[in-house]
């Protein structure tokens, strides 16, 4: 297969037991392409949508990472664990006898909006060159800075004894197991994440995802086109800039382009830039100089 065909995005259904990096490694071996990355880590116990960028599409990672995520969550009340999920050791148990359904609903709803979340020790975040989980495994706990994340929506599915199931839509960087831990703290009984399913990442949905075996079968049967997404498809419903042939040449050569903008340029971060043949040619940024707005290339594809 021509390697150009691998400049694309895959919607992978991550299985339990694999890290997100394991999935990347599997696909590197399968496609023989080194430049592969994912748009948001899923813990080994979690399953669901893992968006994978291959080849030149890795230049879009930082844009796609920024998209909202949607999860189905199963939370267990009354037990706190050192990892904040079911794979950890129980460090505290408390009764939930005095906690009724209305209280649980109110506490869930109280997390909707922006809140400062402290990342868990068992995470891949690096501090002073060390990953937090490496320190946690040695029994070392260090102070972590909180991060502003946003819970867009929480919808309760059901409550069965000490098991609470709910859907959550959130911003990038949200740790769902930490959300479960924080909910348990607010309820006063402790809690941990018992199960996690990511149902959507940006525009990529679980019903359109493929298992690793299905991806391998499609590649072996020369049907890869049926399961891949082009880079252009990622921005089918996004604000985009379309350049004419002269502007395209300037953009590719790294030049600034005088551009009339109807909206506040400060509201825009990185914008997909297309040519007049509807091909993605890169990501651009707006900058102002002497009251004139310019489009400048950030990444050229």
C-alpha atoms as a PDB file:
ATOM      1  CA  UNK A   1       0.000   0.000   0.000  1.00  0.00           C
ATOM      2  CA  UNK A   2       1.207   3.495  -0.841  1.00  0.00           C
ATOM      3  CA  UNK A   3       2.308   5.256   2.342  1.00  0.00           C
ATOM      4  CA  UNK A   4       0.369   8.378   1.280  1.00  0.00           C
ATOM      5  CA  UNK A   5      -2.801   6.413   1.951  1.00  0.00           C
ATOM      6  CA  UNK A   6      -1.810   6.359   5.623  1.00  0.00           C
ATOM      7  CA  UNK A   7      -2.011  10.151   5.993  1.00  0.00           C
ATOM      8  CA  UNK A   8      -5.339   9.775   7.718  1.00  0.00           C
ATOM      9  CA  UNK A   9      -7.341   9.385  10.914  1.00  0.00           C
ATOM     10  CA  UNK A  10      -8.715   6.171  12.393  1.00  0.00           C
ATOM     11  CA  UNK A  11     -11.580   5.817  14.858  1.00  0.00           C
ATOM     12  CA  UNK A  12     -10.341   2.924  16.994  1.00  0.00           C
ATOM     13  CA  UNK A  13     -12.383   0.988  19.542  1.00  0.00           C
ATOM     14  CA  UNK A  14      -9.786   0.553  22.269  1.00  0.00           C
ATOM     15  CA  UNK A  15     -10.089  -2.764  24.107  1.00  0.00           C
ATOM     16  CA  UNK A  16      -9.619  -3.201  27.867  1.00  0.00           C
ATOM     17  CA  UNK A  17      -6.146  -4.126  29.090  1.00  0.00           C
ATOM     18  CA  UNK A  18      -4.213  -2.054  26.541  1.00  0.00           C
ATOM     19  CA  UNK A  19      -2.750   1.371  27.123  1.00  0.00           C
ATOM     20  CA  UNK A  20      -3.304   4.055  24.492  1.00  0.00           C
ATOM     21  CA  UNK A  21       0.414   3.763  23.681  1.00  0.00           C
ATOM     22  CA  UNK A  22      -0.036  -0.016  23.198  1.00  0.00           C
ATOM     23  CA  UNK A  23      -2.629   0.756  20.519  1.00  0.00           C
ATOM     24  CA  UNK A  24      -0.236   3.182  18.832  1.00  0.00           C
ATOM     25  CA  UNK A  25       2.508   0.533  18.920  1.00  0.00           C
ATOM     26  CA  UNK A  26       0.183  -2.081  17.436  1.00  0.00           C
ATOM     27  CA  UNK A  27      -0.715   0.216  14.537  1.00  0.00           C
ATOM     28  CA  UNK A  28       2.914   1.200  13.945  1.00  0.00           C
ATOM     29  CA  UNK A  29       3.797  -2.456  13.530  1.00  0.00           C
ATOM     30  CA  UNK A  30       0.751  -3.079  11.351  1.00  0.00           C
ATOM     31  CA  UNK A  31       1.232  -0.111   9.006  1.00  0.00           C
ATOM     32  CA  UNK A  32       5.030   0.181   9.279  1.00  0.00           C
ATOM     33  CA  UNK A  33       4.512   3.931   9.825  1.00  0.00           C
ATOM     34  CA  UNK A  34       6.391   5.566  12.719  1.00  0.00           C
ATOM     35  CA  UNK A  35       4.461   8.840  12.839  1.00  0.00           C
ATOM     36  CA  UNK A  36       1.328   7.815  14.742  1.00  0.00           C
ATOM     37  CA  UNK A  37      -0.323   9.485  17.711  1.00  0.00           C
ATOM     38  CA  UNK A  38      -3.595   9.564  19.632  1.00  0.00           C
ATOM     39  CA  UNK A  39      -5.822  12.468  20.649  1.00  0.00           C
ATOM     40  CA  UNK A  40      -6.477  11.656  24.303  1.00  0.00           C
ATOM     41  CA  UNK A  41      -5.282   8.933  26.667  1.00  0.00           C
ATOM     42  CA  UNK A  42      -7.605   6.182  27.838  1.00  0.00           C
ATOM     43  CA  UNK A  43      -6.577   4.203  30.932  1.00  0.00           C
ATOM     44  CA  UNK A  44      -5.886   0.471  30.387  1.00  0.00           C
ATOM     45  CA  UNK A  45      -9.172  -0.544  32.081  1.00  0.00           C
ATOM     46  CA  UNK A  46     -11.182   1.903  29.952  1.00  0.00           C
ATOM     47  CA  UNK A  47     -12.645   1.106  26.548  1.00  0.00           C
ATOM     48  CA  UNK A  48     -14.084   3.087  23.671  1.00  0.00           C
ATOM     49  CA  UNK A  49     -13.188   5.722  21.119  1.00  0.00           C
ATOM     50  CA  UNK A  50      -9.484   6.399  20.656  1.00  0.00           C
ATOM     51  CA  UNK A  51      -8.845   8.720  17.715  1.00  0.00           C
ATOM     52  CA  UNK A  52      -5.577   7.880  15.966  1.00  0.00           C
ATOM     53  CA  UNK A  53      -3.675  10.177  13.595  1.00  0.00           C
ATOM     54  CA  UNK A  54      -1.281   8.613  11.089  1.00  0.00           C
ATOM     55  CA  UNK A  55       1.460  10.155   8.958  1.00  0.00           C
ATOM     56  CA  UNK A  56       0.934  13.824   8.084  1.00  0.00           C
ATOM     57  CA  UNK A  57      -2.319  13.738  10.064  1.00  0.00           C
ATOM     58  CA  UNK A  58      -0.213  13.823  13.257  1.00  0.00           C
ATOM     59  CA  UNK A  59       0.136  17.562  12.572  1.00  0.00           C
ATOM     60  CA  UNK A  60      -3.533  17.822  13.534  1.00  0.00           C
ATOM     61  CA  UNK A  61      -3.099  16.157  16.937  1.00  0.00           C
ATOM     62  CA  UNK A  62      -3.081  19.314  19.018  1.00  0.00           C
ATOM     63  CA  UNK A  63      -6.274  20.521  17.331  1.00  0.00           C
ATOM     64  CA  UNK A  64      -8.133  17.225  17.686  1.00  0.00           C
ATOM     65  CA  UNK A  65      -6.964  16.762  21.304  1.00  0.00           C
ATOM     66  CA  UNK A  66      -8.798  19.990  22.112  1.00  0.00           C
ATOM     67  CA  UNK A  67     -12.211  18.478  21.320  1.00  0.00           C
ATOM     68  CA  UNK A  68     -14.784  17.513  23.959  1.00  0.00           C
ATOM     69  CA  UNK A  69     -15.180  13.917  25.105  1.00  0.00           C
ATOM     70  CA  UNK A  70     -18.301  11.956  26.130  1.00  0.00           C
ATOM     71  CA  UNK A  71     -18.263   8.975  28.508  1.00  0.00           C
ATOM     72  CA  UNK A  72     -20.486   6.403  30.153  1.00  0.00           C
ATOM     73  CA  UNK A  73     -19.310   6.044  33.734  1.00  0.00           C
ATOM     74  CA  UNK A  74     -19.916   3.483  36.451  1.00  0.00           C
ATOM     75  CA  UNK A  75     -18.975   4.785  39.897  1.00  0.00           C
ATOM     76  CA  UNK A  76     -18.839   2.772  43.114  1.00  0.00           C
ATOM     77  CA  UNK A  77     -19.697   4.629  46.316  1.00  0.00           C
ATOM     78  CA  UNK A  78     -18.271   3.865  49.757  1.00  0.00           C
ATOM     79  CA  UNK A  79     -14.801   2.796  48.636  1.00  0.00           C
ATOM     80  CA  UNK A  80     -11.786   5.017  47.917  1.00  0.00           C
ATOM     81  CA  UNK A  81      -8.773   3.527  46.130  1.00  0.00           C
ATOM     82  CA  UNK A  82      -5.195   4.721  45.682  1.00  0.00           C
ATOM     83  CA  UNK A  83      -5.606   4.918  41.888  1.00  0.00           C
ATOM     84  CA  UNK A  84      -9.153   6.325  42.029  1.00  0.00           C
ATOM     85  CA  UNK A  85     -10.379   3.359  39.963  1.00  0.00           C
ATOM     86  CA  UNK A  86     -11.220  -0.322  40.403  1.00  0.00           C
ATOM     87  CA  UNK A  87      -7.666  -1.460  39.625  1.00  0.00           C
ATOM     88  CA  UNK A  88      -6.264   0.159  42.748  1.00  0.00           C
ATOM     89  CA  UNK A  89      -6.132  -0.911  46.388  1.00  0.00           C
ATOM     90  CA  UNK A  90      -8.931   0.128  48.704  1.00  0.00           C
ATOM     91  CA  UNK A  91      -7.583   2.703  51.149  1.00  0.00           C
ATOM     92  CA  UNK A  92     -10.831   3.675  52.869  1.00  0.00           C
ATOM     93  CA  UNK A  93     -14.369   2.340  53.252  1.00  0.00           C
ATOM     94  CA  UNK A  94     -17.408   4.241  54.503  1.00  0.00           C
ATOM     95  CA  UNK A  95     -21.110   3.551  54.862  1.00  0.00           C
ATOM     96  CA  UNK A  96     -23.546   5.025  52.339  1.00  0.00           C
ATOM     97  CA  UNK A  97     -26.674   4.212  54.392  1.00  0.00           C
ATOM     98  CA  UNK A  98     -27.505   7.879  55.039  1.00  0.00           C
ATOM     99  CA  UNK A  99     -27.017   9.010  51.438  1.00  0.00           C
ATOM    100  CA  UNK A 100     -30.253   9.099  49.459  1.00  0.00           C
ATOM    101  CA  UNK A 101     -30.848   9.374  45.717  1.00  0.00           C
ATOM    102  CA  UNK A 102     -31.737  13.079  45.799  1.00  0.00           C
ATOM    103  CA  UNK A 103     -28.442  13.896  47.503  1.00  0.00           C
ATOM    104  CA  UNK A 104     -26.502  11.941  44.870  1.00  0.00           C
ATOM    105  CA  UNK A 105     -28.334  13.744  42.066  1.00  0.00           C
ATOM    106  CA  UNK A 106     -27.665  17.173  43.605  1.00  0.00           C
ATOM    107  CA  UNK A 107     -23.966  16.424  44.062  1.00  0.00           C
ATOM    108  CA  UNK A 108     -23.652  15.158  40.476  1.00  0.00           C
ATOM    109  CA  UNK A 109     -25.307  18.324  39.170  1.00  0.00           C
ATOM    110  CA  UNK A 110     -23.025  20.498  41.306  1.00  0.00           C
ATOM    111  CA  UNK A 111     -20.029  19.442  39.199  1.00  0.00           C
ATOM    112  CA  UNK A 112     -21.502  20.824  35.972  1.00  0.00           C
ATOM    113  CA  UNK A 113     -19.467  23.854  34.942  1.00  0.00           C
ATOM    114  CA  UNK A 114     -15.822  24.805  35.382  1.00  0.00           C
ATOM    115  CA  UNK A 115     -13.942  23.422  38.354  1.00  0.00           C
ATOM    116  CA  UNK A 116     -10.331  23.034  39.423  1.00  0.00           C
ATOM    117  CA  UNK A 117      -9.366  19.386  39.222  1.00  0.00           C
ATOM    118  CA  UNK A 118      -6.177  18.023  40.772  1.00  0.00           C
ATOM    119  CA  UNK A 119      -4.677  15.320  38.506  1.00  0.00           C
ATOM    120  CA  UNK A 120      -4.242  11.902  40.166  1.00  0.00           C
ATOM    121  CA  UNK A 121      -0.846  10.593  41.194  1.00  0.00           C
ATOM    122  CA  UNK A 122      -1.427   7.581  38.974  1.00  0.00           C
ATOM    123  CA  UNK A 123      -1.227   9.541  35.724  1.00  0.00           C
ATOM    124  CA  UNK A 124       1.253  10.074  32.887  1.00  0.00           C
ATOM    125  CA  UNK A 125       1.778  13.740  33.695  1.00  0.00           C
ATOM    126  CA  UNK A 126       5.461  14.684  33.975  1.00  0.00           C
ATOM    127  CA  UNK A 127       6.763  16.800  36.851  1.00  0.00           C
ATOM    128  CA  UNK A 128      10.497  17.535  36.935  1.00  0.00           C
ATOM    129  CA  UNK A 129      11.059  14.907  34.269  1.00  0.00           C
ATOM    130  CA  UNK A 130       9.299  12.122  36.192  1.00  0.00           C
ATOM    131  CA  UNK A 131       5.923  10.641  35.361  1.00  0.00           C
ATOM    132  CA  UNK A 132       3.569  10.793  38.314  1.00  0.00           C
ATOM    133  CA  UNK A 133       2.685   7.101  38.140  1.00  0.00           C
ATOM    134  CA  UNK A 134       6.378   6.206  38.454  1.00  0.00           C
ATOM    135  CA  UNK A 135       6.540   8.140  41.722  1.00  0.00           C
ATOM    136  CA  UNK A 136       3.207   6.732  42.908  1.00  0.00           C
ATOM    137  CA  UNK A 137       4.447   3.161  42.443  1.00  0.00           C
ATOM    138  CA  UNK A 138       7.331   3.990  44.791  1.00  0.00           C
ATOM    139  CA  UNK A 139       4.892   5.291  47.372  1.00  0.00           C
ATOM    140  CA  UNK A 140       5.851   8.898  46.735  1.00  0.00           C
ATOM    141  CA  UNK A 141       3.119  11.532  46.576  1.00  0.00           C
ATOM    142  CA  UNK A 142       3.882  15.084  45.541  1.00  0.00           C
ATOM    143  CA  UNK A 143       1.832  18.249  45.304  1.00  0.00           C
ATOM    144  CA  UNK A 144       0.092  18.729  41.955  1.00  0.00           C
ATOM    145  CA  UNK A 145      -1.271  21.935  40.527  1.00  0.00           C
ATOM    146  CA  UNK A 146      -4.992  21.966  39.846  1.00  0.00           C
ATOM    147  CA  UNK A 147      -6.249  22.364  36.299  1.00  0.00           C
ATOM    148  CA  UNK A 148      -9.334  24.149  35.083  1.00  0.00           C
ATOM    149  CA  UNK A 149     -11.587  21.682  33.299  1.00  0.00           C
ATOM    150  CA  UNK A 150     -15.222  21.910  32.348  1.00  0.00           C
ATOM    151  CA  UNK A 151     -18.007  19.410  32.838  1.00  0.00           C
ATOM    152  CA  UNK A 152     -20.487  20.354  30.133  1.00  0.00           C
ATOM    153  CA  UNK A 153     -23.204  17.945  31.158  1.00  0.00           C
ATOM    154  CA  UNK A 154     -23.928  15.054  33.542  1.00  0.00           C
ATOM    155  CA  UNK A 155     -26.956  12.807  32.979  1.00  0.00           C
ATOM    156  CA  UNK A 156     -27.791  10.192  35.597  1.00  0.00           C
ATOM    157  CA  UNK A 157     -28.628   6.762  34.143  1.00  0.00           C
ATOM    158  CA  UNK A 158     -29.478   4.855  37.306  1.00  0.00           C
ATOM    159  CA  UNK A 159     -28.527   4.119  40.911  1.00  0.00           C
ATOM    160  CA  UNK A 160     -28.412   0.529  42.138  1.00  0.00           C
ATOM    161  CA  UNK A 161     -27.329   0.276  45.782  1.00  0.00           C
ATOM    162  CA  UNK A 162     -23.759   1.667  45.781  1.00  0.00           C
ATOM    163  CA  UNK A 163     -23.343   1.701  41.978  1.00  0.00           C
ATOM    164  CA  UNK A 164     -24.088   4.960  40.175  1.00  0.00           C
ATOM    165  CA  UNK A 165     -24.143   5.081  36.373  1.00  0.00           C
ATOM    166  CA  UNK A 166     -24.095   8.364  34.478  1.00  0.00           C
ATOM    167  CA  UNK A 167     -23.142   9.986  31.171  1.00  0.00           C
ATOM    168  CA  UNK A 168     -20.722  12.902  31.191  1.00  0.00           C
ATOM    169  CA  UNK A 169     -19.617  15.358  28.521  1.00  0.00           C
ATOM    170  CA  UNK A 170     -16.422  17.216  29.364  1.00  0.00           C
ATOM    171  CA  UNK A 171     -13.510  19.269  28.107  1.00  0.00           C
ATOM    172  CA  UNK A 172     -10.081  17.908  27.256  1.00  0.00           C
ATOM    173  CA  UNK A 173      -7.814  17.033  30.166  1.00  0.00           C
ATOM    174  CA  UNK A 174     -10.619  15.803  32.410  1.00  0.00           C
ATOM    175  CA  UNK A 175      -9.811  12.763  34.547  1.00  0.00           C
ATOM    176  CA  UNK A 176     -13.066  10.872  34.988  1.00  0.00           C
ATOM    177  CA  UNK A 177     -11.686   8.746  37.832  1.00  0.00           C
ATOM    178  CA  UNK A 178     -10.765  11.974  39.616  1.00  0.00           C
ATOM    179  CA  UNK A 179     -14.276  13.263  38.990  1.00  0.00           C
ATOM    180  CA  UNK A 180     -15.617  10.083  40.657  1.00  0.00           C
ATOM    181  CA  UNK A 181     -13.202  10.572  43.554  1.00  0.00           C
ATOM    182  CA  UNK A 182     -14.253  14.209  43.962  1.00  0.00           C
ATOM    183  CA  UNK A 183     -17.941  13.281  43.869  1.00  0.00           C
ATOM    184  CA  UNK A 184     -17.300  10.702  46.601  1.00  0.00           C
ATOM    185  CA  UNK A 185     -15.488  13.298  48.703  1.00  0.00           C
ATOM    186  CA  UNK A 186     -18.370  15.735  48.378  1.00  0.00           C
ATOM    187  CA  UNK A 187     -20.856  13.012  49.336  1.00  0.00           C
ATOM    188  CA  UNK A 188     -18.674  12.189  52.335  1.00  0.00           C
ATOM    189  CA  UNK A 189     -18.485   8.479  51.600  1.00  0.00           C
ATOM    190  CA  UNK A 190     -15.670   8.199  49.084  1.00  0.00           C
ATOM    191  CA  UNK A 191     -15.951   6.675  45.615  1.00  0.00           C
ATOM    192  CA  UNK A 192     -13.945   5.315  42.731  1.00  0.00           C
ATOM    193  CA  UNK A 193     -14.452   4.710  39.023  1.00  0.00           C
ATOM    194  CA  UNK A 194     -15.620   1.164  38.444  1.00  0.00           C
ATOM    195  CA  UNK A 195     -15.908   1.230  34.641  1.00  0.00           C
ATOM    196  CA  UNK A 196     -15.408   3.735  31.818  1.00  0.00           C
ATOM    197  CA  UNK A 197     -16.574   3.782  28.218  1.00  0.00           C
ATOM    198  CA  UNK A 198     -15.691   6.700  25.925  1.00  0.00           C
ATOM    199  CA  UNK A 199     -18.549   7.059  23.469  1.00  0.00           C
ATOM    200  CA  UNK A 200     -17.371  10.134  21.600  1.00  0.00           C
ATOM    201  CA  UNK A 201     -14.200  12.143  21.019  1.00  0.00           C
ATOM    202  CA  UNK A 202     -14.905  15.279  19.012  1.00  0.00           C
ATOM    203  CA  UNK A 203     -16.899  14.170  15.998  1.00  0.00           C
ATOM    204  CA  UNK A 204     -15.807  10.512  16.266  1.00  0.00           C
ATOM    205  CA  UNK A 205     -18.493   8.229  17.746  1.00  0.00           C
ATOM    206  CA  UNK A 206     -18.311   4.713  19.136  1.00  0.00           C
ATOM    207  CA  UNK A 207     -20.896   3.376  16.696  1.00  0.00           C
ATOM    208  CA  UNK A 208     -18.495   4.238  13.847  1.00  0.00           C
ATOM    209  CA  UNK A 209     -15.345   2.832  15.482  1.00  0.00           C
ATOM    210  CA  UNK A 210     -13.359  -0.269  14.512  1.00  0.00           C
ATOM    211  CA  UNK A 211     -11.569  -2.869  16.584  1.00  0.00           C
ATOM    212  CA  UNK A 212      -7.864  -3.470  15.987  1.00  0.00           C
ATOM    213  CA  UNK A 213      -8.683  -6.831  14.428  1.00  0.00           C
ATOM    214  CA  UNK A 214     -11.155  -5.217  12.033  1.00  0.00           C
ATOM    215  CA  UNK A 215      -8.544  -2.638  11.044  1.00  0.00           C
ATOM    216  CA  UNK A 216      -5.968  -5.370  10.425  1.00  0.00           C
ATOM    217  CA  UNK A 217      -8.460  -7.349   8.322  1.00  0.00           C
ATOM    218  CA  UNK A 218      -9.329  -4.303   6.202  1.00  0.00           C
ATOM    219  CA  UNK A 219      -5.647  -3.605   5.542  1.00  0.00           C
ATOM    220  CA  UNK A 220      -4.950  -7.230   4.578  1.00  0.00           C
ATOM    221  CA  UNK A 221      -7.963  -7.225   2.247  1.00  0.00           C
ATOM    222  CA  UNK A 222      -7.014  -3.883   0.667  1.00  0.00           C
ATOM    223  CA  UNK A 223     -10.154  -2.237   2.032  1.00  0.00           C
ATOM    224  CA  UNK A 224      -8.387   0.375   4.149  1.00  0.00           C
ATOM    225  CA  UNK A 225     -10.201   3.224   2.352  1.00  0.00           C
ATOM    226  CA  UNK A 226     -13.481   2.038   3.857  1.00  0.00           C
ATOM    227  CA  UNK A 227     -12.434   2.666   7.447  1.00  0.00           C
ATOM    228  CA  UNK A 228     -10.093   5.661   7.290  1.00  0.00           C
ATOM    229  CA  UNK A 229     -11.006   9.326   7.572  1.00  0.00           C
ATOM    230  CA  UNK A 230      -9.256  11.904   5.447  1.00  0.00           C
ATOM    231  CA  UNK A 231      -7.773  14.954   7.139  1.00  0.00           C
ATOM    232  CA  UNK A 232     -10.401  17.073   5.378  1.00  0.00           C
ATOM    233  CA  UNK A 233     -13.263  15.098   6.933  1.00  0.00           C
ATOM    234  CA  UNK A 234     -12.123  16.098  10.427  1.00  0.00           C
ATOM    235  CA  UNK A 235     -13.110  19.678   9.676  1.00  0.00           C
ATOM    236  CA  UNK A 236     -16.318  19.110   7.733  1.00  0.00           C
ATOM    237  CA  UNK A 237     -18.334  21.016  10.336  1.00  0.00           C
ATOM    238  CA  UNK A 238     -15.623  23.457  11.501  1.00  0.00           C
ATOM    239  CA  UNK A 239     -14.860  27.079  10.730  1.00  0.00           C
ATOM    240  CA  UNK A 240     -12.255  27.062   7.971  1.00  0.00           C
ATOM    241  CA  UNK A 241     -10.301  29.399   5.711  1.00  0.00           C
ATOM    242  CA  UNK A 242     -10.311  28.823   1.929  1.00  0.00           C
ATOM    243  CA  UNK A 243      -7.452  30.375  -0.052  1.00  0.00           C
ATOM    244  CA  UNK A 244      -7.133  31.074  -3.756  1.00  0.00           C
ATOM    245  CA  UNK A 245      -4.136  29.801  -5.737  1.00  0.00           C
ATOM    246  CA  UNK A 246      -2.000  32.901  -5.108  1.00  0.00           C
ATOM    247  CA  UNK A 247      -2.776  32.905  -1.367  1.00  0.00           C
ATOM    248  CA  UNK A 248      -2.109  29.175  -1.169  1.00  0.00           C
ATOM    249  CA  UNK A 249       1.388  29.666  -2.602  1.00  0.00           C
ATOM    250  CA  UNK A 250       2.106  32.402  -0.044  1.00  0.00           C
ATOM    251  CA  UNK A 251       0.793  30.259   2.826  1.00  0.00           C
ATOM    252  CA  UNK A 252       2.920  27.254   1.839  1.00  0.00           C
ATOM    253  CA  UNK A 253       5.979  29.509   1.604  1.00  0.00           C
ATOM    254  CA  UNK A 254       5.395  30.807   5.120  1.00  0.00           C
ATOM    255  CA  UNK A 255       4.202  34.290   4.176  1.00  0.00           C
ATOM    256  CA  UNK A 256       1.596  36.357   6.009  1.00  0.00           C
ATOM    257  CA  UNK A 257      -1.665  36.927   4.145  1.00  0.00           C
ATOM    258  CA  UNK A 258      -3.787  40.054   4.532  1.00  0.00           C
ATOM    259  CA  UNK A 259      -7.177  38.690   5.506  1.00  0.00           C
ATOM    260  CA  UNK A 260     -10.559  40.299   6.158  1.00  0.00           C
ATOM    261  CA  UNK A 261     -12.079  38.733   9.256  1.00  0.00           C
ATOM    262  CA  UNK A 262     -15.696  39.202  10.299  1.00  0.00           C
ATOM    263  CA  UNK A 263     -15.190  37.891  13.839  1.00  0.00           C
ATOM    264  CA  UNK A 264     -12.806  38.710  16.657  1.00  0.00           C
ATOM    265  CA  UNK A 265      -9.488  37.063  15.812  1.00  0.00           C
ATOM    266  CA  UNK A 266      -8.746  36.634  19.521  1.00  0.00           C
ATOM    267  CA  UNK A 267     -11.570  34.097  19.707  1.00  0.00           C
ATOM    268  CA  UNK A 268      -9.856  31.846  17.173  1.00  0.00           C
ATOM    269  CA  UNK A 269      -6.901  29.591  17.907  1.00  0.00           C
ATOM    270  CA  UNK A 270      -5.661  27.351  15.125  1.00  0.00           C
ATOM    271  CA  UNK A 271      -7.832  27.335  12.042  1.00  0.00           C
ATOM    272  CA  UNK A 272      -7.868  24.716   9.267  1.00  0.00           C
ATOM    273  CA  UNK A 273      -6.785  26.227   5.958  1.00  0.00           C
ATOM    274  CA  UNK A 274      -7.989  24.773   2.650  1.00  0.00           C
ATOM    275  CA  UNK A 275      -7.170  25.542  -0.969  1.00  0.00           C
ATOM    276  CA  UNK A 276      -9.859  26.144  -3.574  1.00  0.00           C
ATOM    277  CA  UNK A 277      -9.848  22.445  -4.459  1.00  0.00           C
ATOM    278  CA  UNK A 278     -11.076  21.655  -0.917  1.00  0.00           C
ATOM    279  CA  UNK A 279      -7.757  20.131   0.161  1.00  0.00           C
ATOM    280  CA  UNK A 280      -6.388  20.787   3.624  1.00  0.00           C
ATOM    281  CA  UNK A 281      -3.068  22.578   3.283  1.00  0.00           C
ATOM    282  CA  UNK A 282      -2.369  23.381   6.921  1.00  0.00           C
ATOM    283  CA  UNK A 283      -3.309  25.160  10.112  1.00  0.00           C
ATOM    284  CA  UNK A 284      -3.211  28.911  10.396  1.00  0.00           C
ATOM    285  CA  UNK A 285      -3.294  31.593  13.072  1.00  0.00           C
ATOM    286  CA  UNK A 286      -4.479  35.168  12.948  1.00  0.00           C
ATOM    287  CA  UNK A 287      -2.312  38.043  14.053  1.00  0.00           C
ATOM    288  CA  UNK A 288      -2.960  41.790  14.092  1.00  0.00           C
ATOM    289  CA  UNK A 289      -0.536  44.523  13.087  1.00  0.00           C
ATOM    290  CA  UNK A 290      -1.367  48.217  12.680  1.00  0.00           C
ATOM    291  CA  UNK A 291      -5.096  47.414  12.799  1.00  0.00           C
ATOM    292  CA  UNK A 292      -4.690  44.928   9.942  1.00  0.00           C
ATOM    293  CA  UNK A 293      -5.459  41.240  10.410  1.00  0.00           C
ATOM    294  CA  UNK A 294      -3.083  38.727   8.864  1.00  0.00           C
ATOM    295  CA  UNK A 295      -3.336  34.985   8.464  1.00  0.00           C
ATOM    296  CA  UNK A 296      -0.031  33.289   9.127  1.00  0.00           C
ATOM    297  CA  UNK A 297       0.875  29.617   8.689  1.00  0.00           C
ATOM    298  CA  UNK A 298       1.310  27.599  11.868  1.00  0.00           C
ATOM    299  CA  UNK A 299       1.672  24.167  10.307  1.00  0.00           C
ATOM    300  CA  UNK A 300       1.858  23.375   6.606  1.00  0.00           C
ATOM    301  CA  UNK A 301       0.638  19.970   5.459  1.00  0.00           C
END
